[in-house]
């Protein structure tokens, strides 16, 4: 072969009639495809060229890009030491990392923060959130927090290909109250007769 054509397409395998990325010289054994959509599965195939002759398209490989950064989480106060962190799921995400820290008196700008608190990206592990259904809202309830302090939250979404970037930050102060009543959950079960 004197060169290769790399074909790719989202959601279904490519064919040689599709647009290809560019001609790749045979001395290059890898190729970077840019400007792909986050959290999307792409199918990739290669055609070898030698003069005017073309091979059949190779076996098709698939890869899913890392998910996009989530939107900023929404925070709801439950009590003076408990709050609920909500966010919208991200396409292609399987898991989430919830990072939080207590705001210091000498706070650094958002782009310099290192999440140096108890649950952080440095030191202790962030809170791992699984079982968040696609196209659903996700939530975590945090308790045992320090009243009168301001907490800063950010999220990352991940899948089998890796972890996306941080969401924008959200802040919430835990003041002395008052707080809305906690929701009442109906835990009674009814027999289905099975």
Protein backbone atom coordinates (compact mmCIF):
# COMPACT_ATOMS: atom_id res chain seq x y z
CA UNK A 1 0.00 0.00 0.00
CA UNK A 2 1.17 3.53 -0.72
CA UNK A 3 -1.41 5.30 1.48
CA UNK A 4 -4.59 4.79 3.50
CA UNK A 5 -7.98 6.43 3.72
CA UNK A 6 -9.60 6.52 7.17
CA UNK A 7 -13.41 6.56 7.11
CA UNK A 8 -15.60 7.24 10.12
CA UNK A 9 -19.23 7.83 10.93
CA UNK A 10 -21.38 8.11 14.06
CA UNK A 11 -24.17 5.61 14.74
CA UNK A 12 -23.52 3.25 11.79
CA UNK A 13 -20.50 1.72 10.03
CA UNK A 14 -18.90 3.83 7.28
CA UNK A 15 -18.62 2.82 3.63
CA UNK A 16 -15.95 3.85 1.10
CA UNK A 17 -18.50 6.24 -0.46
CA UNK A 18 -18.41 8.34 2.73
CA UNK A 19 -16.07 11.25 3.13
CA UNK A 20 -12.72 10.18 4.54
CA UNK A 21 -10.48 12.14 6.89
CA UNK A 22 -7.46 12.46 4.58
CA UNK A 23 -4.87 10.38 2.78
CA UNK A 24 -2.50 8.88 5.35
CA UNK A 25 1.03 7.89 4.25
CA UNK A 26 1.96 4.27 4.96
CA UNK A 27 4.77 5.35 7.29
CA UNK A 28 2.13 6.64 9.74
CA UNK A 29 0.62 3.82 11.78
CA UNK A 30 -1.91 5.97 13.64
CA UNK A 31 -4.21 8.87 12.84
CA UNK A 32 -5.98 11.41 15.03
CA UNK A 33 -9.57 12.33 14.15
CA UNK A 34 -10.61 15.65 15.68
CA UNK A 35 -13.80 17.63 16.30
CA UNK A 36 -15.85 14.60 17.31
CA UNK A 37 -18.99 14.90 19.42
CA UNK A 38 -18.54 13.98 23.10
CA UNK A 39 -20.17 10.80 24.42
CA UNK A 40 -20.81 9.50 20.89
CA UNK A 41 -19.97 6.10 19.40
CA UNK A 42 -18.06 6.28 16.11
CA UNK A 43 -17.35 3.48 13.66
CA UNK A 44 -14.01 3.57 11.84
CA UNK A 45 -12.72 1.67 8.80
CA UNK A 46 -9.58 1.88 6.65
CA UNK A 47 -9.02 1.43 2.92
CA UNK A 48 -5.51 0.74 1.57
CA UNK A 49 -4.49 2.41 -1.72
CA UNK A 50 -1.80 1.44 -4.18
CA UNK A 51 -1.83 3.57 -7.29
CA UNK A 52 -5.39 3.36 -8.64
CA UNK A 53 -6.17 0.14 -6.75
CA UNK A 54 -8.25 0.19 -3.57
CA UNK A 55 -8.72 -2.55 -0.99
CA UNK A 56 -12.03 -3.47 0.56
CA UNK A 57 -12.77 -1.53 3.72
CA UNK A 58 -11.15 -3.09 6.79
CA UNK A 59 -12.98 -4.64 9.69
CA UNK A 60 -14.94 -1.88 11.37
CA UNK A 61 -13.81 -0.76 14.81
CA UNK A 62 -15.96 1.27 17.16
CA UNK A 63 -14.98 3.75 19.84
CA UNK A 64 -17.01 5.99 22.13
CA UNK A 65 -15.65 9.45 22.89
CA UNK A 66 -15.43 10.69 26.49
CA UNK A 67 -18.54 12.50 27.71
CA UNK A 68 -18.91 16.26 27.79
CA UNK A 69 -18.64 18.13 31.07
CA UNK A 70 -21.99 18.16 32.90
CA UNK A 71 -23.95 21.34 33.50
CA UNK A 72 -23.41 23.03 36.87
CA UNK A 73 -25.12 21.01 39.62
CA UNK A 74 -28.19 22.41 41.39
CA UNK A 75 -28.16 22.43 45.19
CA UNK A 76 -31.20 22.09 47.48
CA UNK A 77 -31.01 22.61 51.24
CA UNK A 78 -32.63 19.86 53.31
CA UNK A 79 -31.37 20.83 56.78
CA UNK A 80 -28.55 22.82 58.36
CA UNK A 81 -26.20 19.85 57.80
CA UNK A 82 -27.75 18.11 54.77
CA UNK A 83 -28.25 19.05 51.15
CA UNK A 84 -29.18 17.46 47.87
CA UNK A 85 -27.01 17.83 44.75
CA UNK A 86 -28.90 17.38 41.45
CA UNK A 87 -27.68 17.38 37.85
CA UNK A 88 -28.82 16.36 34.39
CA UNK A 89 -27.29 13.20 32.95
CA UNK A 90 -24.79 13.61 30.11
CA UNK A 91 -25.08 11.66 26.82
CA UNK A 92 -22.67 8.73 26.75
CA UNK A 93 -21.85 8.93 30.49
CA UNK A 94 -21.84 5.79 32.64
CA UNK A 95 -20.51 7.18 35.93
CA UNK A 96 -20.06 10.55 37.61
CA UNK A 97 -17.58 11.98 40.10
CA UNK A 98 -18.93 14.54 42.55
CA UNK A 99 -16.18 16.79 43.89
CA UNK A 100 -16.78 19.21 46.73
CA UNK A 101 -14.84 21.47 49.03
CA UNK A 102 -15.50 24.03 51.75
CA UNK A 103 -14.93 27.60 50.58
CA UNK A 104 -12.01 29.20 52.39
CA UNK A 105 -11.74 32.83 53.47
CA UNK A 106 -8.99 33.33 50.87
CA UNK A 107 -10.73 31.62 47.98
CA UNK A 108 -8.86 31.14 44.72
CA UNK A 109 -10.55 31.84 41.38
CA UNK A 110 -12.51 28.88 39.98
CA UNK A 111 -9.87 27.99 37.37
CA UNK A 112 -7.17 27.72 40.08
CA UNK A 113 -9.11 25.64 42.61
CA UNK A 114 -7.61 22.25 43.38
CA UNK A 115 -10.47 20.77 45.47
CA UNK A 116 -8.27 20.34 48.51
CA UNK A 117 -11.10 19.37 50.88
CA UNK A 118 -12.19 16.01 52.25
CA UNK A 119 -13.81 14.79 49.01
CA UNK A 120 -11.55 16.12 46.33
CA UNK A 121 -9.66 15.42 43.15
CA UNK A 122 -6.46 15.44 45.20
CA UNK A 123 -6.17 13.37 48.34
CA UNK A 124 -9.35 11.41 49.10
CA UNK A 125 -11.38 10.08 46.20
CA UNK A 126 -14.41 12.00 44.94
CA UNK A 127 -17.86 10.54 45.48
CA UNK A 128 -18.57 8.01 42.72
CA UNK A 129 -22.16 8.04 41.43
CA UNK A 130 -23.46 5.12 39.40
CA UNK A 131 -26.90 3.97 38.31
CA UNK A 132 -27.88 7.35 36.93
CA UNK A 133 -30.17 6.52 34.01
CA UNK A 134 -29.53 8.20 30.66
CA UNK A 135 -31.80 11.19 29.98
CA UNK A 136 -32.68 11.42 33.68
CA UNK A 137 -31.84 13.72 36.53
CA UNK A 138 -29.24 12.41 38.96
CA UNK A 139 -29.00 13.21 42.67
CA UNK A 140 -26.90 12.63 45.76
CA UNK A 141 -27.83 13.55 49.34
CA UNK A 142 -24.91 14.68 51.51
CA UNK A 143 -25.29 14.80 55.28
CA UNK A 144 -23.01 15.58 58.20
CA UNK A 145 -21.91 18.88 56.63
CA UNK A 146 -20.71 21.85 58.70
CA UNK A 147 -23.41 24.49 59.35
CA UNK A 148 -22.48 28.07 58.52
CA UNK A 149 -19.97 27.09 55.84
CA UNK A 150 -20.18 27.47 52.06
CA UNK A 151 -19.67 24.34 49.97
CA UNK A 152 -18.44 24.34 46.38
CA UNK A 153 -19.48 21.52 44.02
CA UNK A 154 -18.35 20.32 40.61
CA UNK A 155 -18.89 17.15 38.57
CA UNK A 156 -17.12 15.02 36.00
CA UNK A 157 -18.80 12.43 33.76
CA UNK A 158 -17.04 9.27 32.59
CA UNK A 159 -17.50 6.21 30.41
CA UNK A 160 -15.28 3.29 29.31
CA UNK A 161 -13.18 5.69 27.19
CA UNK A 162 -12.28 8.08 30.00
CA UNK A 163 -13.40 11.05 32.05
CA UNK A 164 -14.60 14.39 30.71
CA UNK A 165 -13.85 17.82 32.14
CA UNK A 166 -15.22 19.53 35.24
CA UNK A 167 -18.67 21.09 35.18
CA UNK A 168 -19.01 24.74 36.17
CA UNK A 169 -19.02 25.12 39.95
CA UNK A 170 -22.06 25.63 42.17
CA UNK A 171 -21.90 27.06 45.69
CA UNK A 172 -24.25 26.66 48.62
CA UNK A 173 -24.02 28.16 52.10
CA UNK A 174 -25.38 26.15 55.01
CA UNK A 175 -26.98 28.79 57.19
CA UNK A 176 -28.93 28.49 60.42
CA UNK A 177 -32.25 27.80 58.62
CA UNK A 178 -35.27 27.67 58.37
CA UNK A 179 -35.45 24.76 55.95
CA UNK A 180 -38.38 23.27 54.08
CA UNK A 181 -39.76 20.05 55.55
CA UNK A 182 -38.16 16.88 54.26
CA UNK A 183 -40.25 15.03 51.67
CA UNK A 184 -42.36 12.18 52.99
CA UNK A 185 -41.72 8.95 51.14
CA UNK A 186 -44.44 6.33 50.82
CA UNK A 187 -42.68 3.07 51.61
CA UNK A 188 -45.74 0.82 51.80
CA UNK A 189 -45.71 -2.14 49.41
CA UNK A 190 -48.71 -3.76 47.80
CA UNK A 191 -48.84 -7.41 46.82
CA UNK A 192 -49.19 -8.02 43.09
CA UNK A 193 -50.61 -11.51 43.57
CA UNK A 194 -47.69 -13.19 41.76
